[in-house]
Amino acid sequence: MANSLLFKAFIYLLMAVIFIYVAVQSKGETIWNPTTLIFAAVATLAFGVALRLLGKYFRIKKKK
């Protein structure tokens, strides 16, 4: 289970980086357009999930 948590955390980090890249590429005259904000919000959530999974992975690893 611990290995799958680490893999999932890596996938979520990768998704967050991709969403940030797409948000930067989709900006127009200003960054305050809805598309950029939605991509940034999704990236923030993905980073949050990745950090929680990494924390859980290290807690499980520490118990062993």
Protein backbone atom coordinates (compact mmCIF):
# COMPACT_ATOMS: atom_id res chain seq x y z
CA MET A 1 0.00 0.00 0.00
CA ALA A 2 2.83 2.41 0.81
CA ASN A 3 4.29 2.14 -2.66
CA SER A 4 0.96 2.91 -4.24
CA LEU A 5 0.64 6.01 -2.03
CA LEU A 6 4.00 7.24 -3.23
CA PHE A 7 3.04 6.56 -6.84
CA LYS A 8 -0.28 8.38 -6.43
CA ALA A 9 1.50 11.35 -4.83
CA PHE A 10 3.88 11.50 -7.78
CA ILE A 11 0.96 11.39 -10.24
CA TYR A 12 -0.83 14.22 -8.42
CA LEU A 13 2.35 16.32 -8.38
CA LEU A 14 2.77 15.71 -12.09
CA MET A 15 -0.85 16.70 -12.73
CA ALA A 16 -0.39 19.89 -10.70
CA VAL A 17 2.69 20.85 -12.69
CA ILE A 18 0.83 20.21 -15.93
CA PHE A 19 -2.13 22.33 -14.80
CA ILE A 20 0.21 25.17 -13.83
CA TYR A 21 1.92 24.94 -17.22
CA VAL A 22 -1.44 25.04 -19.02
CA ALA A 23 -2.56 27.98 -16.87
CA VAL A 24 0.57 29.94 -17.73
CA GLN A 25 0.18 29.14 -21.41
CA SER A 26 -3.53 30.11 -21.44
CA LYS A 27 -3.07 33.57 -20.00
CA GLY A 28 -4.14 36.41 -22.23
CA GLU A 29 -3.64 40.08 -21.51
CA THR A 30 -4.06 39.41 -17.80
CA ILE A 31 -3.87 36.38 -15.54
CA TRP A 32 -7.22 37.20 -13.96
CA ASN A 33 -9.34 35.43 -16.57
CA PRO A 34 -11.56 32.48 -15.56
CA THR A 35 -9.60 29.83 -17.47
CA THR A 36 -6.31 30.66 -15.79
CA LEU A 37 -7.94 30.84 -12.36
CA ILE A 38 -9.65 27.47 -12.81
CA PHE A 39 -6.40 25.80 -13.87
CA ALA A 40 -4.59 27.40 -10.92
CA ALA A 41 -7.30 26.23 -8.50
CA VAL A 42 -7.15 22.66 -9.80
CA ALA A 43 -3.35 22.73 -9.53
CA THR A 44 -3.62 23.92 -5.93
CA LEU A 45 -5.98 21.08 -5.07
CA ALA A 46 -3.69 18.56 -6.78
CA PHE A 47 -0.68 19.86 -4.80
CA GLY A 48 -2.72 19.56 -1.60
CA VAL A 49 -3.68 15.97 -2.32
CA ALA A 50 -0.08 15.11 -3.19
CA LEU A 51 1.20 16.60 0.06
CA ARG A 52 -1.40 14.68 2.08
CA LEU A 53 -0.46 11.44 0.33
CA LEU A 54 3.24 12.05 0.95
CA GLY A 55 2.53 12.77 4.61
CA LYS A 56 0.52 9.58 4.94
CA TYR A 57 3.26 7.61 3.17
CA PHE A 58 5.94 8.86 5.57
CA ARG A 59 3.73 8.26 8.63
CA ILE A 60 3.16 4.66 7.54
CA LYS A 61 6.86 4.25 6.78
CA LYS A 62 7.81 5.64 10.20
CA LYS A 63 5.53 3.13 11.99
CA LYS A 64 7.27 0.16 10.37
